[in-house]
C-alpha atoms as a PDB file:
ATOM      1  CA  MET A   1    -126.125  91.988-273.305  1.00  0.00           C
ATOM      2  CA  GLY A   2    -128.195  95.020-272.411  1.00  0.00           C
ATOM      3  CA  GLN A   3    -129.728  93.142-269.487  1.00  0.00           C
ATOM      4  CA  ALA A   4    -126.295  92.039-268.275  1.00  0.00           C
ATOM      5  CA  ALA A   5    -125.067  95.636-268.303  1.00  0.00           C
ATOM      6  CA  SER A   6    -128.200  96.730-266.439  1.00  0.00           C
ATOM      7  CA  GLN A   7    -127.678  94.037-263.806  1.00  0.00           C
ATOM      8  CA  GLY A   8    -124.046  95.115-263.456  1.00  0.00           C
ATOM      9  CA  GLU A   9    -125.150  98.689-262.801  1.00  0.00           C
ATOM     10  CA  HIS A  10    -127.659  97.504-260.199  1.00  0.00           C
ATOM     11  CA  LEU A  11    -125.008  95.389-258.478  1.00  0.00           C
ATOM     12  CA  GLU A  12    -122.558  98.282-258.482  1.00  0.00           C
ATOM     13  CA  ASP A  13    -125.214 100.631-257.094  1.00  0.00           C
ATOM     14  CA  ALA A  14    -126.105  98.152-254.354  1.00  0.00           C
ATOM     15  CA  PHE A  15    -122.413  97.649-253.577  1.00  0.00           C
ATOM     16  CA  MET A  16    -121.805 101.388-253.311  1.00  0.00           C
ATOM     17  CA  ARG A  17    -124.870 101.770-251.087  1.00  0.00           C
ATOM     18  CA  THR A  18    -123.675  98.984-248.797  1.00  0.00           C
ATOM     19  CA  LEU A  19    -120.162 100.413-248.742  1.00  0.00           C
ATOM     20  CA  GLY A  20    -121.580 103.839-247.925  1.00  0.00           C
ATOM     21  CA  LEU A  21    -123.613 102.397-245.049  1.00  0.00           C
ATOM     22  CA  GLN A  22    -120.544 100.591-243.702  1.00  0.00           C
ATOM     23  CA  ILE A  23    -118.453 103.764-243.890  1.00  0.00           C
ATOM     24  CA  GLN A  24    -121.250 105.729-242.206  1.00  0.00           C
ATOM     25  CA  HIS A  25    -121.447 103.114-239.454  1.00  0.00           C
ATOM     26  CA  LEU A  26    -117.689 103.025-238.906  1.00  0.00           C
ATOM     27  CA  ALA A  27    -116.882 106.715-239.370  1.00  0.00           C
ATOM     28  CA  PRO A  28    -119.786 109.120-240.024  1.00  0.00           C
ATOM     29  CA  GLY A  29    -117.414 112.086-240.300  1.00  0.00           C
ATOM     30  CA  GLU A  30    -115.356 110.458-243.050  1.00  0.00           C
ATOM     31  CA  ALA A  31    -118.527 109.417-244.868  1.00  0.00           C
ATOM     32  CA  VAL A  32    -119.634 113.049-245.024  1.00  0.00           C
ATOM     33  CA  VAL A  33    -116.215 114.150-246.312  1.00  0.00           C
ATOM     34  CA  ALA A  34    -116.215 111.368-248.911  1.00  0.00           C
ATOM     35  CA  GLY A  35    -119.549 112.683-250.141  1.00  0.00           C
END
C-alpha cells in the first residue's frame, strides 16, 4: 500500500506540473498569480 500511495503522489505531482505548464502556456500572468 505504501508503494501505491507513493505512485499516487508522483502522479499528482506530474499532473500539477503539466497543469502548471498548460496554464503558463495559456496565460503566463495568471500562472504567476496562482503561484
